[in-house]
Amino acid sequence: MGREQGFLPHRLVMGVLVSQQEMIPLVIEHLVVCYGPLLDSTEPKPFTYTDYYDDEMGGKPLRFYLSFAHLIDPSRLSAIKRETNALEVEFSEHGGRRVNLDPGLLSLANLVLATTKNRAHRIPLVDGIYVELTLLYAEKQFQSFSWTYADYKSEEVKLLFASWRERYRTQLKQESLL
């Protein structure tokens, strides 16, 4: 029989879409209040992988990714997704989102994202929140799946998360967790 143990803390990461450049500082300010200081962020770029958000957000949104400095208990992911959903509502205008927040957890083994949408490859957590294995770390790189979102499948994003994984591994060692 196996012994129950606590989880190794994970790195909280977030994919962010915004409808306007001017919103970015305010969105980041809210997220830092909720989840602590940022470790890293990418430059916002037009989100050209799909037109899924264009109508709701009034044109091509800007995409950027955030990595938070404090490691967290992975069991918090569903609560974080509910909190980010509430922030999306707070930022909405005339029933349309101006911000889309996709919280996830980065570990040595993978990147998972939280979602409210059930699909065959997603596992229920709690309160209508599911988790999706988005990227798997194998053979010294991140591997994607048929269901992985197009931007997360890109080499640029996989290399970004690989670099954040190395920083995460270093932090685990510094904090004597590995």
N, C-alpha and C. Protein backbone atom coordinates (compact mmCIF):
# COMPACT_ATOMS: atom_id res chain seq x y z
N MET A 1 0.85 -1.18 0.00
CA MET A 1 0.00 0.00 0.00
C MET A 1 0.89 1.24 0.00
N GLY A 2 0.55 2.18 -0.86
CA GLY A 2 1.30 3.44 -0.94
C GLY A 2 0.97 4.35 0.23
N ARG A 3 1.90 5.24 0.52
CA ARG A 3 1.71 6.23 1.59
C ARG A 3 1.31 7.56 0.97
N GLU A 4 0.34 8.20 1.57
CA GLU A 4 -0.06 9.53 1.12
C GLU A 4 1.02 10.52 1.51
N GLN A 5 1.33 11.42 0.59
CA GLN A 5 2.32 12.45 0.83
C GLN A 5 1.78 13.76 0.29
N GLY A 6 2.33 14.84 0.77
CA GLY A 6 1.96 16.13 0.23
C GLY A 6 2.49 16.28 -1.18
N PHE A 7 1.91 17.21 -1.90
CA PHE A 7 2.35 17.47 -3.27
C PHE A 7 3.58 18.37 -3.28
N LEU A 8 4.44 18.16 -4.25
CA LEU A 8 5.53 19.08 -4.51
C LEU A 8 4.90 20.36 -5.04
N PRO A 9 5.31 21.53 -4.55
CA PRO A 9 4.71 22.76 -5.07
C PRO A 9 5.04 22.96 -6.54
N HIS A 10 4.14 23.64 -7.24
CA HIS A 10 4.27 23.89 -8.67
C HIS A 10 4.39 25.39 -8.92
N ARG A 11 4.80 25.72 -10.12
CA ARG A 11 4.88 27.12 -10.56
C ARG A 11 3.53 27.51 -11.18
N LEU A 12 2.91 28.56 -10.67
CA LEU A 12 1.70 29.09 -11.27
C LEU A 12 2.09 29.91 -12.50
N VAL A 13 1.47 29.58 -13.62
CA VAL A 13 1.68 30.32 -14.87
C VAL A 13 0.30 30.72 -15.41
N MET A 14 0.29 31.68 -16.30
CA MET A 14 -0.99 32.13 -16.83
C MET A 14 -0.84 32.63 -18.25
N GLY A 15 -1.72 32.13 -19.11
CA GLY A 15 -1.86 32.68 -20.44
C GLY A 15 -2.92 33.77 -20.36
N VAL A 16 -2.61 34.95 -20.92
CA VAL A 16 -3.52 36.09 -20.82
C VAL A 16 -3.80 36.63 -22.21
N LEU A 17 -5.08 36.87 -22.47
CA LEU A 17 -5.52 37.58 -23.67
C LEU A 17 -6.20 38.86 -23.21
N VAL A 18 -5.87 39.98 -23.83
CA VAL A 18 -6.52 41.26 -23.53
C VAL A 18 -6.97 41.90 -24.83
N SER A 19 -8.06 42.66 -24.74
CA SER A 19 -8.59 43.31 -25.94
C SER A 19 -7.85 44.60 -26.26
N GLN A 20 -7.20 45.21 -25.24
CA GLN A 20 -6.52 46.49 -25.45
C GLN A 20 -5.21 46.53 -24.67
N GLN A 21 -4.19 47.06 -25.26
CA GLN A 21 -2.87 47.21 -24.64
C GLN A 21 -2.96 47.94 -23.29
N GLU A 22 -3.83 48.95 -23.22
CA GLU A 22 -3.94 49.78 -22.02
C GLU A 22 -4.42 48.99 -20.81
N MET A 23 -5.03 47.85 -21.01
CA MET A 23 -5.55 47.03 -19.91
C MET A 23 -4.46 46.23 -19.20
N ILE A 24 -3.34 46.04 -19.85
CA ILE A 24 -2.32 45.12 -19.34
C ILE A 24 -1.84 45.48 -17.94
N PRO A 25 -1.46 46.73 -17.65
CA PRO A 25 -0.99 47.03 -16.29
C PRO A 25 -2.05 46.76 -15.22
N LEU A 26 -3.30 47.05 -15.50
CA LEU A 26 -4.36 46.83 -14.54
C LEU A 26 -4.60 45.34 -14.30
N VAL A 27 -4.59 44.56 -15.37
CA VAL A 27 -4.76 43.11 -15.24
C VAL A 27 -3.61 42.53 -14.41
N ILE A 28 -2.39 42.92 -14.74
CA ILE A 28 -1.23 42.41 -13.99
C ILE A 28 -1.30 42.83 -12.53
N GLU A 29 -1.70 44.06 -12.27
CA GLU A 29 -1.83 44.54 -10.89
C GLU A 29 -2.80 43.66 -10.10
N HIS A 30 -3.95 43.34 -10.68
CA HIS A 30 -4.92 42.48 -10.01
C HIS A 30 -4.34 41.08 -9.75
N LEU A 31 -3.65 40.53 -10.73
CA LEU A 31 -3.09 39.19 -10.58
C LEU A 31 -1.98 39.15 -9.54
N VAL A 32 -1.16 40.19 -9.47
CA VAL A 32 -0.09 40.25 -8.47
C VAL A 32 -0.67 40.35 -7.07
N VAL A 33 -1.75 41.10 -6.91
CA VAL A 33 -2.41 41.17 -5.60
C VAL A 33 -2.90 39.78 -5.18
N CYS A 34 -3.45 39.04 -6.13
CA CYS A 34 -4.00 37.71 -5.84
C CYS A 34 -2.93 36.63 -5.65
N TYR A 35 -1.87 36.66 -6.46
CA TYR A 35 -0.95 35.53 -6.53
C TYR A 35 0.51 35.84 -6.27
N GLY A 36 0.80 37.07 -5.89
CA GLY A 36 2.16 37.43 -5.56
C GLY A 36 2.94 37.94 -6.76
N PRO A 37 4.20 38.26 -6.53
CA PRO A 37 5.02 38.90 -7.57
C PRO A 37 5.25 38.00 -8.78
N LEU A 38 5.47 38.66 -9.90
CA LEU A 38 5.80 37.94 -11.12
C LEU A 38 7.27 37.55 -11.12
N LEU A 39 7.54 36.41 -11.66
CA LEU A 39 8.92 35.99 -11.90
C LEU A 39 9.32 36.40 -13.32
N ASP A 40 8.37 36.30 -14.24
CA ASP A 40 8.66 36.61 -15.63
C ASP A 40 7.37 36.87 -16.38
N SER A 41 7.49 37.58 -17.49
CA SER A 41 6.36 37.80 -18.39
C SER A 41 6.89 37.97 -19.80
N THR A 42 6.04 37.68 -20.76
CA THR A 42 6.43 37.85 -22.16
C THR A 42 5.84 39.16 -22.68
N GLU A 43 6.35 39.59 -23.80
CA GLU A 43 5.82 40.78 -24.46
C GLU A 43 4.48 40.43 -25.11
N PRO A 44 3.51 41.30 -25.00
CA PRO A 44 2.23 41.05 -25.67
C PRO A 44 2.39 41.06 -27.19
N LYS A 45 1.73 40.09 -27.84
CA LYS A 45 1.75 39.98 -29.29
C LYS A 45 0.33 39.72 -29.78
N PRO A 46 0.01 40.16 -30.99
CA PRO A 46 -1.31 39.84 -31.53
C PRO A 46 -1.53 38.33 -31.56
N PHE A 47 -2.71 37.92 -31.13
CA PHE A 47 -3.07 36.51 -31.07
C PHE A 47 -3.65 36.10 -32.42
N THR A 48 -2.83 35.45 -33.22
CA THR A 48 -3.21 35.14 -34.61
C THR A 48 -3.49 33.65 -34.84
N TYR A 49 -3.48 32.85 -33.78
CA TYR A 49 -3.63 31.41 -33.95
C TYR A 49 -5.06 30.99 -34.29
N THR A 50 -6.03 31.82 -33.91
CA THR A 50 -7.44 31.53 -34.18
C THR A 50 -8.21 32.85 -34.13
N ASP A 51 -9.40 32.83 -34.70
CA ASP A 51 -10.26 34.01 -34.60
C ASP A 51 -11.37 33.80 -33.57
N TYR A 52 -11.24 32.78 -32.74
CA TYR A 52 -12.24 32.41 -31.75
C TYR A 52 -12.66 33.59 -30.86
N TYR A 53 -11.71 34.43 -30.47
CA TYR A 53 -11.99 35.52 -29.52
C TYR A 53 -12.28 36.86 -30.20
N ASP A 54 -12.09 36.94 -31.51
CA ASP A 54 -12.15 38.23 -32.21
C ASP A 54 -13.47 38.96 -32.03
N ASP A 55 -14.59 38.30 -32.22
CA ASP A 55 -15.89 38.97 -32.11
C ASP A 55 -16.13 39.47 -30.69
N GLU A 56 -15.91 38.58 -29.72
CA GLU A 56 -16.16 38.94 -28.32
C GLU A 56 -15.25 40.07 -27.85
N MET A 57 -14.01 40.07 -28.30
CA MET A 57 -13.04 41.04 -27.81
C MET A 57 -12.87 42.24 -28.74
N GLY A 58 -13.66 42.30 -29.79
CA GLY A 58 -13.62 43.46 -30.67
C GLY A 58 -12.40 43.54 -31.56
N GLY A 59 -11.92 42.43 -32.03
CA GLY A 59 -10.74 42.37 -32.89
C GLY A 59 -9.72 41.41 -32.33
N LYS A 60 -8.55 41.38 -32.94
CA LYS A 60 -7.48 40.48 -32.50
C LYS A 60 -7.00 40.88 -31.11
N PRO A 61 -7.13 39.98 -30.13
CA PRO A 61 -6.59 40.29 -28.81
C PRO A 61 -5.06 40.17 -28.79
N LEU A 62 -4.48 40.64 -27.72
CA LEU A 62 -3.04 40.50 -27.47
C LEU A 62 -2.83 39.34 -26.51
N ARG A 63 -1.82 38.52 -26.79
CA ARG A 63 -1.50 37.36 -25.95
C ARG A 63 -0.16 37.58 -25.28
N PHE A 64 -0.11 37.26 -23.98
CA PHE A 64 1.16 37.19 -23.26
C PHE A 64 1.04 36.15 -22.16
N TYR A 65 2.18 35.75 -21.62
CA TYR A 65 2.24 34.71 -20.62
C TYR A 65 2.94 35.25 -19.38
N LEU A 66 2.47 34.79 -18.22
CA LEU A 66 3.03 35.21 -16.94
C LEU A 66 3.49 33.99 -16.15
N SER A 67 4.54 34.19 -15.37
CA SER A 67 5.04 33.19 -14.45
C SER A 67 5.17 33.86 -13.09
N PHE A 68 4.62 33.24 -12.05
CA PHE A 68 4.62 33.83 -10.72
C PHE A 68 5.77 33.28 -9.87
N ALA A 69 6.31 34.13 -9.00
CA ALA A 69 7.51 33.79 -8.24
C ALA A 69 7.27 32.73 -7.18
N HIS A 70 6.15 32.81 -6.49
CA HIS A 70 5.89 31.88 -5.39
C HIS A 70 5.36 30.55 -5.91
N LEU A 71 5.94 29.47 -5.43
CA LEU A 71 5.43 28.14 -5.76
C LEU A 71 4.16 27.88 -4.96
N ILE A 72 3.25 27.11 -5.55
CA ILE A 72 1.97 26.89 -4.90
C ILE A 72 1.62 25.41 -4.82
N ASP A 73 0.73 25.08 -3.90
CA ASP A 73 0.17 23.74 -3.79
C ASP A 73 -0.72 23.52 -5.01
N PRO A 74 -0.47 22.46 -5.79
CA PRO A 74 -1.26 22.26 -7.01
C PRO A 74 -2.75 22.03 -6.75
N SER A 75 -3.11 21.67 -5.54
CA SER A 75 -4.53 21.47 -5.24
C SER A 75 -5.31 22.78 -5.26
N ARG A 76 -4.63 23.90 -5.34
CA ARG A 76 -5.29 25.22 -5.42
C ARG A 76 -5.78 25.57 -6.82
N LEU A 77 -5.44 24.79 -7.82
CA LEU A 77 -5.71 25.19 -9.21
C LEU A 77 -7.19 25.47 -9.47
N SER A 78 -8.08 24.65 -8.97
CA SER A 78 -9.51 24.89 -9.25
C SER A 78 -9.98 26.20 -8.61
N ALA A 79 -9.52 26.49 -7.42
CA ALA A 79 -9.88 27.76 -6.77
C ALA A 79 -9.32 28.94 -7.56
N ILE A 80 -8.12 28.81 -8.05
CA ILE A 80 -7.50 29.88 -8.85
C ILE A 80 -8.30 30.10 -10.13
N LYS A 81 -8.74 29.03 -10.77
CA LYS A 81 -9.54 29.18 -11.99
C LYS A 81 -10.86 29.91 -11.68
N ARG A 82 -11.49 29.58 -10.58
CA ARG A 82 -12.72 30.29 -10.21
C ARG A 82 -12.44 31.77 -9.95
N GLU A 83 -11.31 32.06 -9.33
CA GLU A 83 -10.93 33.46 -9.07
C GLU A 83 -10.66 34.21 -10.37
N THR A 84 -9.97 33.57 -11.30
CA THR A 84 -9.67 34.24 -12.57
C THR A 84 -10.95 34.40 -13.40
N ASN A 85 -11.88 33.46 -13.29
CA ASN A 85 -13.17 33.63 -13.95
C ASN A 85 -13.88 34.87 -13.42
N ALA A 86 -13.82 35.07 -12.10
CA ALA A 86 -14.45 36.26 -11.50
C ALA A 86 -13.77 37.54 -12.00
N LEU A 87 -12.44 37.51 -12.17
CA LEU A 87 -11.74 38.68 -12.71
C LEU A 87 -12.15 38.95 -14.16
N GLU A 88 -12.35 37.91 -14.94
CA GLU A 88 -12.81 38.09 -16.31
C GLU A 88 -14.16 38.81 -16.32
N VAL A 89 -15.05 38.41 -15.42
CA VAL A 89 -16.37 39.06 -15.32
C VAL A 89 -16.20 40.52 -14.91
N GLU A 90 -15.32 40.75 -13.94
CA GLU A 90 -15.07 42.12 -13.47
C GLU A 90 -14.59 43.03 -14.60
N PHE A 91 -13.79 42.51 -15.49
CA PHE A 91 -13.25 43.29 -16.60
C PHE A 91 -14.17 43.31 -17.83
N SER A 92 -15.25 42.52 -17.80
CA SER A 92 -16.10 42.43 -18.98
C SER A 92 -16.86 43.74 -19.21
N GLU A 93 -17.31 43.89 -20.44
CA GLU A 93 -18.02 45.10 -20.84
C GLU A 93 -19.14 44.71 -21.80
N HIS A 94 -20.36 45.10 -21.46
CA HIS A 94 -21.53 44.81 -22.31
C HIS A 94 -21.65 43.31 -22.60
N GLY A 95 -21.37 42.50 -21.58
CA GLY A 95 -21.51 41.05 -21.71
C GLY A 95 -20.38 40.35 -22.43
N GLY A 96 -19.39 41.09 -22.90
CA GLY A 96 -18.26 40.49 -23.60
C GLY A 96 -16.98 40.58 -22.79
N ARG A 97 -16.17 39.54 -22.85
CA ARG A 97 -14.90 39.57 -22.13
C ARG A 97 -13.91 40.49 -22.84
N ARG A 98 -13.19 41.24 -22.03
CA ARG A 98 -12.07 42.03 -22.54
C ARG A 98 -10.75 41.40 -22.10
N VAL A 99 -10.87 40.41 -21.20
CA VAL A 99 -9.71 39.69 -20.66
C VAL A 99 -10.07 38.21 -20.61
N ASN A 100 -9.13 37.37 -21.01
CA ASN A 100 -9.26 35.92 -20.87
C ASN A 100 -8.03 35.43 -20.12
N LEU A 101 -8.26 34.72 -19.02
CA LEU A 101 -7.18 34.26 -18.16
C LEU A 101 -7.18 32.73 -18.11
N ASP A 102 -6.05 32.15 -18.45
CA ASP A 102 -5.89 30.70 -18.44
C ASP A 102 -4.81 30.29 -17.46
N PRO A 103 -5.19 30.06 -16.19
CA PRO A 103 -4.19 29.64 -15.21
C PRO A 103 -3.76 28.20 -15.44
N GLY A 104 -2.50 27.95 -15.14
CA GLY A 104 -1.96 26.60 -15.27
C GLY A 104 -0.87 26.36 -14.26
N LEU A 105 -0.43 25.13 -14.21
CA LEU A 105 0.64 24.73 -13.31
C LEU A 105 1.78 24.11 -14.12
N LEU A 106 2.97 24.59 -13.85
CA LEU A 106 4.17 24.06 -14.48
C LEU A 106 4.90 23.21 -13.46
N SER A 107 5.19 21.98 -13.83
CA SER A 107 5.98 21.08 -12.98
C SER A 107 7.16 20.58 -13.80
N LEU A 108 7.96 19.73 -13.20
CA LEU A 108 9.07 19.15 -13.94
C LEU A 108 8.57 18.21 -15.03
N ALA A 109 7.38 17.66 -14.85
CA ALA A 109 6.85 16.66 -15.77
C ALA A 109 5.93 17.20 -16.84
N ASN A 110 5.28 18.36 -16.57
CA ASN A 110 4.25 18.79 -17.51
C ASN A 110 3.79 20.23 -17.26
N LEU A 111 2.91 20.65 -18.15
CA LEU A 111 2.15 21.88 -17.99
C LEU A 111 0.68 21.50 -18.10
N VAL A 112 -0.10 21.85 -17.09
CA VAL A 112 -1.54 21.61 -17.12
C VAL A 112 -2.26 22.95 -17.07
N LEU A 113 -3.43 23.01 -17.71
CA LEU A 113 -4.26 24.21 -17.70
C LEU A 113 -5.61 23.89 -17.11
N ALA A 114 -6.18 24.85 -16.41
CA ALA A 114 -7.53 24.72 -15.85
C ALA A 114 -8.54 25.26 -16.85
N THR A 115 -9.72 24.66 -16.86
CA THR A 115 -10.77 25.08 -17.79
C THR A 115 -12.13 24.74 -17.20
N THR A 116 -13.15 25.39 -17.73
CA THR A 116 -14.52 25.06 -17.34
C THR A 116 -15.19 24.17 -18.37
N LYS A 117 -14.52 23.90 -19.47
CA LYS A 117 -15.11 23.12 -20.56
C LYS A 117 -14.71 21.65 -20.47
N ASN A 118 -15.70 20.79 -20.41
CA ASN A 118 -15.45 19.35 -20.33
C ASN A 118 -15.21 18.79 -21.73
N ARG A 119 -14.18 18.01 -21.87
CA ARG A 119 -13.88 17.27 -23.09
C ARG A 119 -13.35 15.90 -22.67
N ALA A 120 -13.23 14.98 -23.60
CA ALA A 120 -12.83 13.61 -23.29
C ALA A 120 -11.48 13.53 -22.59
N HIS A 121 -10.57 14.45 -22.89
CA HIS A 121 -9.21 14.39 -22.37
C HIS A 121 -9.02 15.22 -21.10
N ARG A 122 -10.10 15.75 -20.53
CA ARG A 122 -10.01 16.60 -19.34
C ARG A 122 -10.55 15.86 -18.13
N ILE A 123 -9.95 16.14 -16.99
CA ILE A 123 -10.29 15.45 -15.76
C ILE A 123 -10.97 16.44 -14.81
N PRO A 124 -12.12 16.07 -14.24
CA PRO A 124 -12.80 16.97 -13.32
C PRO A 124 -12.01 17.13 -12.01
N LEU A 125 -11.96 18.36 -11.53
CA LEU A 125 -11.32 18.64 -10.25
C LEU A 125 -12.40 18.84 -9.19
N VAL A 126 -13.02 20.04 -9.20
CA VAL A 126 -14.08 20.36 -8.24
C VAL A 126 -14.84 21.58 -8.75
N ASP A 127 -16.12 21.67 -8.39
CA ASP A 127 -16.94 22.85 -8.70
C ASP A 127 -16.95 23.22 -10.18
N GLY A 128 -17.02 22.25 -11.06
CA GLY A 128 -17.11 22.53 -12.49
C GLY A 128 -15.80 22.92 -13.15
N ILE A 129 -14.69 22.71 -12.48
CA ILE A 129 -13.37 23.01 -13.04
C ILE A 129 -12.69 21.70 -13.43
N TYR A 130 -12.12 21.72 -14.63
CA TYR A 130 -11.40 20.56 -15.17
C TYR A 130 -9.93 20.93 -15.35
N VAL A 131 -9.10 19.91 -15.46
CA VAL A 131 -7.69 20.12 -15.75
C VAL A 131 -7.34 19.36 -17.02
N GLU A 132 -6.47 19.99 -17.81
CA GLU A 132 -6.04 19.40 -19.07
C GLU A 132 -4.52 19.29 -19.08
N LEU A 133 -4.01 18.12 -19.39
CA LEU A 133 -2.59 17.96 -19.65
C LEU A 133 -2.32 18.60 -21.00
N THR A 134 -1.64 19.72 -21.01
CA THR A 134 -1.42 20.50 -22.22
C THR A 134 -0.08 20.20 -22.87
N LEU A 135 0.96 20.12 -22.06
CA LEU A 135 2.31 19.78 -22.55
C LEU A 135 2.92 18.75 -21.61
N LEU A 136 3.63 17.80 -22.17
CA LEU A 136 4.33 16.76 -21.42
C LEU A 136 5.82 16.94 -21.64
N TYR A 137 6.61 16.93 -20.55
CA TYR A 137 8.06 17.04 -20.70
C TYR A 137 8.64 15.64 -20.85
N ALA A 138 9.17 15.35 -22.02
CA ALA A 138 9.75 14.05 -22.32
C ALA A 138 10.86 14.25 -23.33
N GLU A 139 11.89 13.43 -23.22
CA GLU A 139 13.03 13.50 -24.15
C GLU A 139 13.63 14.91 -24.19
N LYS A 140 13.72 15.53 -23.01
CA LYS A 140 14.37 16.83 -22.81
C LYS A 140 13.69 17.99 -23.53
N GLN A 141 12.37 17.86 -23.76
CA GLN A 141 11.61 18.96 -24.36
C GLN A 141 10.13 18.76 -24.10
N PHE A 142 9.37 19.82 -24.29
CA PHE A 142 7.93 19.72 -24.14
C PHE A 142 7.32 19.14 -25.41
N GLN A 143 6.40 18.20 -25.20
CA GLN A 143 5.67 17.54 -26.28
C GLN A 143 4.21 17.99 -26.20
N SER A 144 3.59 18.21 -27.33
CA SER A 144 2.19 18.61 -27.35
C SER A 144 1.32 17.42 -27.76
N PHE A 145 0.02 17.64 -27.73
CA PHE A 145 -0.97 16.62 -28.07
C PHE A 145 -1.90 17.16 -29.15
N SER A 146 -2.73 16.31 -29.69
CA SER A 146 -3.69 16.76 -30.71
C SER A 146 -4.62 17.84 -30.16
N TRP A 147 -4.90 17.81 -28.87
CA TRP A 147 -5.81 18.78 -28.25
C TRP A 147 -5.12 20.04 -27.74
N THR A 148 -3.82 20.07 -27.76
CA THR A 148 -3.09 21.23 -27.25
C THR A 148 -3.42 22.46 -28.09
N TYR A 149 -3.73 23.57 -27.41
CA TYR A 149 -4.02 24.81 -28.14
C TYR A 149 -2.86 25.19 -29.05
N ALA A 150 -3.19 25.78 -30.19
CA ALA A 150 -2.19 26.05 -31.23
C ALA A 150 -1.03 26.88 -30.73
N ASP A 151 -1.28 27.90 -29.92
CA ASP A 151 -0.16 28.72 -29.45
C ASP A 151 0.74 27.93 -28.51
N TYR A 152 0.16 27.07 -27.67
CA TYR A 152 0.97 26.24 -26.76
C TYR A 152 1.74 25.18 -27.54
N LYS A 153 1.29 24.81 -28.72
CA LYS A 153 2.00 23.86 -29.58
C LYS A 153 3.20 24.48 -30.27
N SER A 154 3.22 25.80 -30.38
CA SER A 154 4.29 26.46 -31.12
C SER A 154 5.64 26.25 -30.43
N GLU A 155 6.69 26.17 -31.25
CA GLU A 155 8.03 25.99 -30.70
C GLU A 155 8.41 27.14 -29.77
N GLU A 156 8.01 28.34 -30.12
CA GLU A 156 8.31 29.51 -29.30
C GLU A 156 7.76 29.35 -27.88
N VAL A 157 6.52 28.92 -27.76
CA VAL A 157 5.90 28.77 -26.44
C VAL A 157 6.47 27.56 -25.71
N LYS A 158 6.70 26.46 -26.42
CA LYS A 158 7.30 25.30 -25.76
C LYS A 158 8.69 25.62 -25.23
N LEU A 159 9.46 26.41 -25.97
CA LEU A 159 10.79 26.82 -25.49
C LEU A 159 10.68 27.76 -24.29
N LEU A 160 9.68 28.64 -24.31
CA LEU A 160 9.44 29.52 -23.16
C LEU A 160 9.18 28.69 -21.91
N PHE A 161 8.26 27.74 -22.01
CA PHE A 161 7.95 26.93 -20.84
C PHE A 161 9.12 26.03 -20.43
N ALA A 162 9.93 25.61 -21.37
CA ALA A 162 11.13 24.85 -21.03
C ALA A 162 12.10 25.71 -20.22
N SER A 163 12.23 26.98 -20.59
CA SER A 163 13.12 27.87 -19.82
C SER A 163 12.54 28.13 -18.43
N TRP A 164 11.23 28.30 -18.35
CA TRP A 164 10.60 28.49 -17.04
C TRP A 164 10.70 27.22 -16.19
N ARG A 165 10.67 26.05 -16.85
CA ARG A 165 10.84 24.79 -16.13
C ARG A 165 12.21 24.72 -15.49
N GLU A 166 13.23 25.18 -16.20
CA GLU A 166 14.59 25.15 -15.64
C GLU A 166 14.69 26.08 -14.42
N ARG A 167 14.09 27.23 -14.50
CA ARG A 167 14.08 28.15 -13.35
C ARG A 167 13.32 27.54 -12.17
N TYR A 168 12.23 26.84 -12.48
CA TYR A 168 11.45 26.14 -11.45
C TYR A 168 12.31 25.06 -10.79
N ARG A 169 13.02 24.27 -11.60
CA ARG A 169 13.88 23.22 -11.06
C ARG A 169 14.96 23.81 -10.16
N THR A 170 15.55 24.91 -10.57
CA THR A 170 16.56 25.60 -9.75
C THR A 170 15.97 26.06 -8.44
N GLN A 171 14.75 26.62 -8.48
CA GLN A 171 14.10 27.08 -7.25
C GLN A 171 13.81 25.91 -6.31
N LEU A 172 13.36 24.77 -6.84
CA LEU A 172 13.12 23.60 -6.01
C LEU A 172 14.39 23.16 -5.29
N LYS A 173 15.50 23.19 -6.02
CA LYS A 173 16.79 22.82 -5.40
C LYS A 173 17.19 23.83 -4.33
N GLN A 174 17.05 25.13 -4.62
CA GLN A 174 17.41 26.16 -3.66
C GLN A 174 16.58 26.07 -2.39
N GLU A 175 15.34 25.66 -2.54
CA GLU A 175 14.45 25.55 -1.38
C GLU A 175 14.49 24.14 -0.78
N SER A 176 15.46 23.33 -1.21
CA SER A 176 15.67 21.97 -0.72
C SER A 176 14.42 21.10 -0.85
N LEU A 177 13.73 21.26 -1.94
CA LEU A 177 12.53 20.45 -2.19
C LEU A 177 12.81 19.31 -3.16
N LEU A 178 13.99 19.33 -3.77
CA LEU A 178 14.41 18.22 -4.65
C LEU A 178 15.55 17.48 -4.03
